Amino acid sequence: MTLTGAFEAHPGGELAIYAGYLAGHREVLAARCVGLTPEQLARPGVPPSDMSLLGLVRHMARVEHYWFEMVIDQRLDQPRLDDDDPTGGFHRVAPTHASVEEAFGRWREQIRYAEACIGRLGEAGLGEPRRTRHGELTTVRDVLVHLVEEYARHNGHADLLREAIDGRHSA
């Protein structure tokens, strides 16, 4: 993923740019987690925060679910993923193989849904209005830009968390 590419004309159009950035950011988050044990993935890395890499994966599954399934596809009546977790999926994740499999499985499931959703949209749909769970009006374009921003911010957290675990710097 190159940053300069997003500012140039893209043969696939605006929607392809957003999809490309999202795919790149998803790869970055996955790469920060490669080679770590469940204990390392669940370990808070930057005191006093209890945020962990595994918590970030859980959180991003929740974010993808909310924005693609609930807002873009307007399924606002369904419960939000991990709705019972007041931390948004971020914190206090059990350091077990089962919790790792569940978190990554859920995240991959939400990514598949999001990719299918983007595939259905088309360029003309980018300006279409959508309502959030709180009744705010937004557009599909705004949602996609927000998701790129959300991943970018949390990938910065992931860089710090990974470095705190084993000293590995981002590439």
C-alpha atoms as a PDB file:
ATOM      1  CA  MET A   1       0.000   0.000   0.000  1.00  0.00           C
ATOM      2  CA  THR A   2       1.456   3.335  -0.996  1.00  0.00           C
ATOM      3  CA  LEU A   3       0.096   6.613   0.233  1.00  0.00           C
ATOM      4  CA  THR A   4       0.839   8.468  -2.982  1.00  0.00           C
ATOM      5  CA  GLY A   5      -1.353   6.068  -4.962  1.00  0.00           C
ATOM      6  CA  ALA A   6      -4.498   7.263  -3.225  1.00  0.00           C
ATOM      7  CA  PHE A   7      -4.026  10.830  -4.438  1.00  0.00           C
ATOM      8  CA  GLU A   8      -3.582   9.916  -8.086  1.00  0.00           C
ATOM      9  CA  ALA A   9      -6.265   8.896 -10.551  1.00  0.00           C
ATOM     10  CA  HIS A  10      -7.196   5.301  -9.857  1.00  0.00           C
ATOM     11  CA  PRO A  11      -8.420   3.135 -12.738  1.00  0.00           C
ATOM     12  CA  GLY A  12     -10.903   1.390 -10.440  1.00  0.00           C
ATOM     13  CA  GLY A  13     -12.449   4.629  -9.210  1.00  0.00           C
ATOM     14  CA  GLU A  14     -13.068   6.082  -5.786  1.00  0.00           C
ATOM     15  CA  LEU A  15     -14.631   2.952  -4.326  1.00  0.00           C
ATOM     16  CA  ALA A  16     -11.562   0.910  -5.299  1.00  0.00           C
ATOM     17  CA  ILE A  17      -9.359   3.425  -3.471  1.00  0.00           C
ATOM     18  CA  TYR A  18     -11.316   2.982  -0.242  1.00  0.00           C
ATOM     19  CA  ALA A  19     -11.346  -0.795  -0.643  1.00  0.00           C
ATOM     20  CA  GLY A  20      -7.602  -0.795  -1.247  1.00  0.00           C
ATOM     21  CA  TYR A  21      -6.845   1.296   1.825  1.00  0.00           C
ATOM     22  CA  LEU A  22      -9.083  -0.891   3.973  1.00  0.00           C
ATOM     23  CA  ALA A  23      -7.411  -4.056   2.684  1.00  0.00           C
ATOM     24  CA  GLY A  24      -3.981  -2.579   3.330  1.00  0.00           C
ATOM     25  CA  HIS A  25      -4.846  -1.509   6.862  1.00  0.00           C
ATOM     26  CA  ARG A  26      -6.351  -4.920   7.633  1.00  0.00           C
ATOM     27  CA  GLU A  27      -3.097  -6.519   6.477  1.00  0.00           C
ATOM     28  CA  VAL A  28      -1.115  -4.205   8.746  1.00  0.00           C
ATOM     29  CA  LEU A  29      -3.160  -5.166  11.814  1.00  0.00           C
ATOM     30  CA  ALA A  30      -2.864  -8.869  10.987  1.00  0.00           C
ATOM     31  CA  ALA A  31       0.910  -8.509  10.487  1.00  0.00           C
ATOM     32  CA  ARG A  32       1.338  -6.928  13.934  1.00  0.00           C
ATOM     33  CA  CYS A  33      -0.139 -10.098  15.440  1.00  0.00           C
ATOM     34  CA  VAL A  34       1.878 -12.692  13.503  1.00  0.00           C
ATOM     35  CA  GLY A  35       4.051 -15.044  15.529  1.00  0.00           C
ATOM     36  CA  LEU A  36       2.676 -14.141  18.957  1.00  0.00           C
ATOM     37  CA  THR A  37       1.269 -16.484  21.560  1.00  0.00           C
ATOM     38  CA  PRO A  38      -2.221 -16.003  23.009  1.00  0.00           C
ATOM     39  CA  GLU A  39      -0.588 -14.611  26.146  1.00  0.00           C
ATOM     40  CA  GLN A  40       1.359 -12.045  24.121  1.00  0.00           C
ATOM     41  CA  LEU A  41      -1.666 -11.103  22.013  1.00  0.00           C
ATOM     42  CA  ALA A  42      -3.774 -10.514  25.129  1.00  0.00           C
ATOM     43  CA  ARG A  43      -1.034  -8.704  27.073  1.00  0.00           C
ATOM     44  CA  PRO A  44      -1.572  -5.007  27.724  1.00  0.00           C
ATOM     45  CA  GLY A  45       1.473  -3.291  26.318  1.00  0.00           C
ATOM     46  CA  VAL A  46       1.338   0.356  27.303  1.00  0.00           C
ATOM     47  CA  PRO A  47       0.491   0.916  30.996  1.00  0.00           C
ATOM     48  CA  PRO A  48      -1.782   2.121  32.433  1.00  0.00           C
ATOM     49  CA  SER A  49      -3.957   1.088  29.477  1.00  0.00           C
ATOM     50  CA  ASP A  50      -5.133  -2.520  29.351  1.00  0.00           C
ATOM     51  CA  MET A  51      -5.415  -2.401  25.533  1.00  0.00           C
ATOM     52  CA  SER A  52      -3.949  -5.412  23.739  1.00  0.00           C
ATOM     53  CA  LEU A  53      -3.437  -6.529  20.153  1.00  0.00           C
ATOM     54  CA  LEU A  54      -6.148  -9.135  20.591  1.00  0.00           C
ATOM     55  CA  GLY A  55      -8.434  -6.441  21.970  1.00  0.00           C
ATOM     56  CA  LEU A  56      -7.779  -4.369  18.852  1.00  0.00           C
ATOM     57  CA  VAL A  57      -8.729  -7.299  16.617  1.00  0.00           C
ATOM     58  CA  ARG A  58     -11.953  -7.754  18.603  1.00  0.00           C
ATOM     59  CA  HIS A  59     -12.672  -4.039  18.419  1.00  0.00           C
ATOM     60  CA  MET A  60     -12.134  -3.863  14.660  1.00  0.00           C
ATOM     61  CA  ALA A  61     -14.522  -6.784  14.135  1.00  0.00           C
ATOM     62  CA  ARG A  62     -17.099  -4.785  16.069  1.00  0.00           C
ATOM     63  CA  VAL A  63     -16.344  -1.637  14.034  1.00  0.00           C
ATOM     64  CA  GLU A  64     -16.652  -3.480  10.712  1.00  0.00           C
ATOM     65  CA  HIS A  65     -19.928  -5.064  11.842  1.00  0.00           C
ATOM     66  CA  TYR A  66     -21.456  -1.782  12.946  1.00  0.00           C
ATOM     67  CA  TRP A  67     -20.520   0.312   9.942  1.00  0.00           C
ATOM     68  CA  PHE A  68     -21.038  -2.212   7.147  1.00  0.00           C
ATOM     69  CA  GLU A  69     -23.861  -4.419   8.350  1.00  0.00           C
ATOM     70  CA  MET A  70     -25.774  -2.048  10.582  1.00  0.00           C
ATOM     71  CA  VAL A  71     -25.198   1.365   8.960  1.00  0.00           C
ATOM     72  CA  ILE A  72     -24.450   0.800   5.257  1.00  0.00           C
ATOM     73  CA  ASP A  73     -26.904  -2.109   4.974  1.00  0.00           C
ATOM     74  CA  GLN A  74     -29.279  -0.353   7.422  1.00  0.00           C
ATOM     75  CA  ARG A  75     -29.801  -3.304   9.771  1.00  0.00           C
ATOM     76  CA  LEU A  76     -29.957  -1.052  12.798  1.00  0.00           C
ATOM     77  CA  ASP A  77     -32.396  -3.268  14.687  1.00  0.00           C
ATOM     78  CA  GLN A  78     -29.888  -6.070  15.236  1.00  0.00           C
ATOM     79  CA  PRO A  79     -27.657  -6.113  18.310  1.00  0.00           C
ATOM     80  CA  ARG A  80     -24.201  -4.667  17.930  1.00  0.00           C
ATOM     81  CA  LEU A  81     -21.382  -7.205  18.006  1.00  0.00           C
ATOM     82  CA  ASP A  82     -20.188  -7.548  21.627  1.00  0.00           C
ATOM     83  CA  ASP A  83     -22.933  -5.131  22.670  1.00  0.00           C
ATOM     84  CA  ASP A  84     -22.537  -6.326  26.252  1.00  0.00           C
ATOM     85  CA  ASP A  85     -18.872  -5.205  26.353  1.00  0.00           C
ATOM     86  CA  PRO A  86     -18.638  -1.588  27.551  1.00  0.00           C
ATOM     87  CA  THR A  87     -15.023  -1.344  26.314  1.00  0.00           C
ATOM     88  CA  GLY A  88     -15.944  -1.968  22.672  1.00  0.00           C
ATOM     89  CA  GLY A  89     -14.033  -5.264  22.632  1.00  0.00           C
ATOM     90  CA  PHE A  90     -10.721  -3.603  23.449  1.00  0.00           C
ATOM     91  CA  HIS A  91      -9.795  -4.739  26.907  1.00  0.00           C
ATOM     92  CA  ARG A  92      -9.324  -7.695  29.222  1.00  0.00           C
ATOM     93  CA  VAL A  93      -9.276 -10.500  26.681  1.00  0.00           C
ATOM     94  CA  ALA A  94      -8.576 -14.023  27.941  1.00  0.00           C
ATOM     95  CA  PRO A  95      -5.101 -15.212  26.853  1.00  0.00           C
ATOM     96  CA  THR A  96      -6.315 -18.529  25.399  1.00  0.00           C
ATOM     97  CA  HIS A  97      -6.158 -20.223  22.020  1.00  0.00           C
ATOM     98  CA  ALA A  98      -9.974 -20.249  21.998  1.00  0.00           C
ATOM     99  CA  SER A  99     -10.235 -16.482  22.459  1.00  0.00           C
ATOM    100  CA  VAL A 100      -7.642 -15.921  19.720  1.00  0.00           C
ATOM    101  CA  GLU A 101      -9.532 -18.197  17.316  1.00  0.00           C
ATOM    102  CA  GLU A 102     -12.838 -16.543  18.181  1.00  0.00           C
ATOM    103  CA  ALA A 103     -11.490 -12.992  17.757  1.00  0.00           C
ATOM    104  CA  PHE A 104      -9.725 -13.639  14.463  1.00  0.00           C
ATOM    105  CA  GLY A 105     -12.617 -15.749  13.160  1.00  0.00           C
ATOM    106  CA  ARG A 106     -15.097 -12.996  13.926  1.00  0.00           C
ATOM    107  CA  TRP A 107     -12.849 -10.353  12.388  1.00  0.00           C
ATOM    108  CA  ARG A 108     -12.372 -12.396   9.185  1.00  0.00           C
ATOM    109  CA  GLU A 109     -16.141 -12.980   9.017  1.00  0.00           C
ATOM    110  CA  GLN A 110     -16.803  -9.249   9.264  1.00  0.00           C
ATOM    111  CA  ILE A 111     -14.154  -8.510   6.631  1.00  0.00           C
ATOM    112  CA  ARG A 112     -15.814 -10.966   4.233  1.00  0.00           C
ATOM    113  CA  TYR A 113     -19.148  -9.256   4.846  1.00  0.00           C
ATOM    114  CA  ALA A 114     -17.586  -5.812   4.312  1.00  0.00           C
ATOM    115  CA  GLU A 115     -15.912  -6.864   1.080  1.00  0.00           C
ATOM    116  CA  ALA A 116     -19.201  -8.253  -0.238  1.00  0.00           C
ATOM    117  CA  CYS A 117     -20.937  -5.052   0.816  1.00  0.00           C
ATOM    118  CA  ILE A 118     -18.383  -2.924  -1.054  1.00  0.00           C
ATOM    119  CA  GLY A 119     -18.817  -5.200  -4.066  1.00  0.00           C
ATOM    120  CA  ARG A 120     -22.560  -4.455  -4.086  1.00  0.00           C
ATOM    121  CA  LEU A 121     -22.240  -0.691  -3.674  1.00  0.00           C
ATOM    122  CA  GLY A 122     -20.887   0.694  -6.913  1.00  0.00           C
ATOM    123  CA  GLU A 123     -19.537   4.210  -7.413  1.00  0.00           C
ATOM    124  CA  ALA A 124     -23.016   5.726  -7.608  1.00  0.00           C
ATOM    125  CA  GLY A 125     -23.787   4.540  -4.092  1.00  0.00           C
ATOM    126  CA  LEU A 126     -21.023   6.516  -2.390  1.00  0.00           C
ATOM    127  CA  GLY A 127     -23.161   9.600  -1.848  1.00  0.00           C
ATOM    128  CA  GLU A 128     -26.202   7.702  -0.626  1.00  0.00           C
ATOM    129  CA  PRO A 129     -27.442   8.760   2.803  1.00  0.00           C
ATOM    130  CA  ARG A 130     -27.460   6.368   5.744  1.00  0.00           C
ATOM    131  CA  ARG A 131     -28.665   6.690   9.317  1.00  0.00           C
ATOM    132  CA  THR A 132     -26.566   5.597  12.269  1.00  0.00           C
ATOM    133  CA  ARG A 133     -27.892   3.794  15.319  1.00  0.00           C
ATOM    134  CA  HIS A 134     -28.225   7.198  17.011  1.00  0.00           C
ATOM    135  CA  GLY A 135     -30.209   8.691  14.130  1.00  0.00           C
ATOM    136  CA  GLU A 136     -27.380  10.781  12.685  1.00  0.00           C
ATOM    137  CA  LEU A 137     -27.282  11.170   8.923  1.00  0.00           C
ATOM    138  CA  THR A 138     -24.103  10.200   7.043  1.00  0.00           C
ATOM    139  CA  THR A 139     -23.149   8.908   3.589  1.00  0.00           C
ATOM    140  CA  VAL A 140     -21.556   5.685   2.434  1.00  0.00           C
ATOM    141  CA  ARG A 141     -18.466   7.704   1.452  1.00  0.00           C
ATOM    142  CA  ASP A 142     -18.193   9.164   4.967  1.00  0.00           C
ATOM    143  CA  VAL A 143     -18.463   5.672   6.455  1.00  0.00           C
ATOM    144  CA  LEU A 144     -15.651   4.354   4.264  1.00  0.00           C
ATOM    145  CA  VAL A 145     -13.391   7.310   5.036  1.00  0.00           C
ATOM    146  CA  HIS A 146     -14.140   6.857   8.741  1.00  0.00           C
ATOM    147  CA  LEU A 147     -13.191   3.177   8.556  1.00  0.00           C
ATOM    148  CA  VAL A 148      -9.859   3.995   6.904  1.00  0.00           C
ATOM    149  CA  GLU A 149      -9.229   6.548   9.658  1.00  0.00           C
ATOM    150  CA  GLU A 150     -10.245   4.085  12.385  1.00  0.00           C
ATOM    151  CA  TYR A 151      -7.824   1.451  11.101  1.00  0.00           C
ATOM    152  CA  ALA A 152      -5.023   4.006  10.694  1.00  0.00           C
ATOM    153  CA  ARG A 153      -5.419   5.187  14.301  1.00  0.00           C
ATOM    154  CA  HIS A 154      -5.586   1.684  15.733  1.00  0.00           C
ATOM    155  CA  ASN A 155      -2.682   0.450  13.622  1.00  0.00           C
ATOM    156  CA  GLY A 156      -0.623   3.122  15.343  1.00  0.00           C
ATOM    157  CA  HIS A 157      -1.684   1.572  18.636  1.00  0.00           C
ATOM    158  CA  ALA A 158      -0.822  -1.869  17.248  1.00  0.00           C
ATOM    159  CA  ASP A 159       2.685  -0.677  16.374  1.00  0.00           C
ATOM    160  CA  LEU A 160       3.269   0.458  19.955  1.00  0.00           C
ATOM    161  CA  LEU A 161       1.750  -2.687  21.448  1.00  0.00           C
ATOM    162  CA  ARG A 162       3.883  -4.980  19.288  1.00  0.00           C
ATOM    163  CA  GLU A 163       7.036  -3.049  20.091  1.00  0.00           C
ATOM    164  CA  ALA A 164       6.261  -3.302  23.816  1.00  0.00           C
ATOM    165  CA  ILE A 165       5.852  -7.079  23.515  1.00  0.00           C
ATOM    166  CA  ASP A 166       8.992  -8.055  21.636  1.00  0.00           C
ATOM    167  CA  GLY A 167      10.712  -4.908  20.414  1.00  0.00           C
ATOM    168  CA  ARG A 168       9.633  -5.474  16.805  1.00  0.00           C
ATOM    169  CA  HIS A 169       9.298  -2.228  14.908  1.00  0.00           C
ATOM    170  CA  SER A 170       6.832  -1.767  12.101  1.00  0.00           C
ATOM    171  CA  ALA A 171       8.182  -2.049   8.574  1.00  0.00           C
END
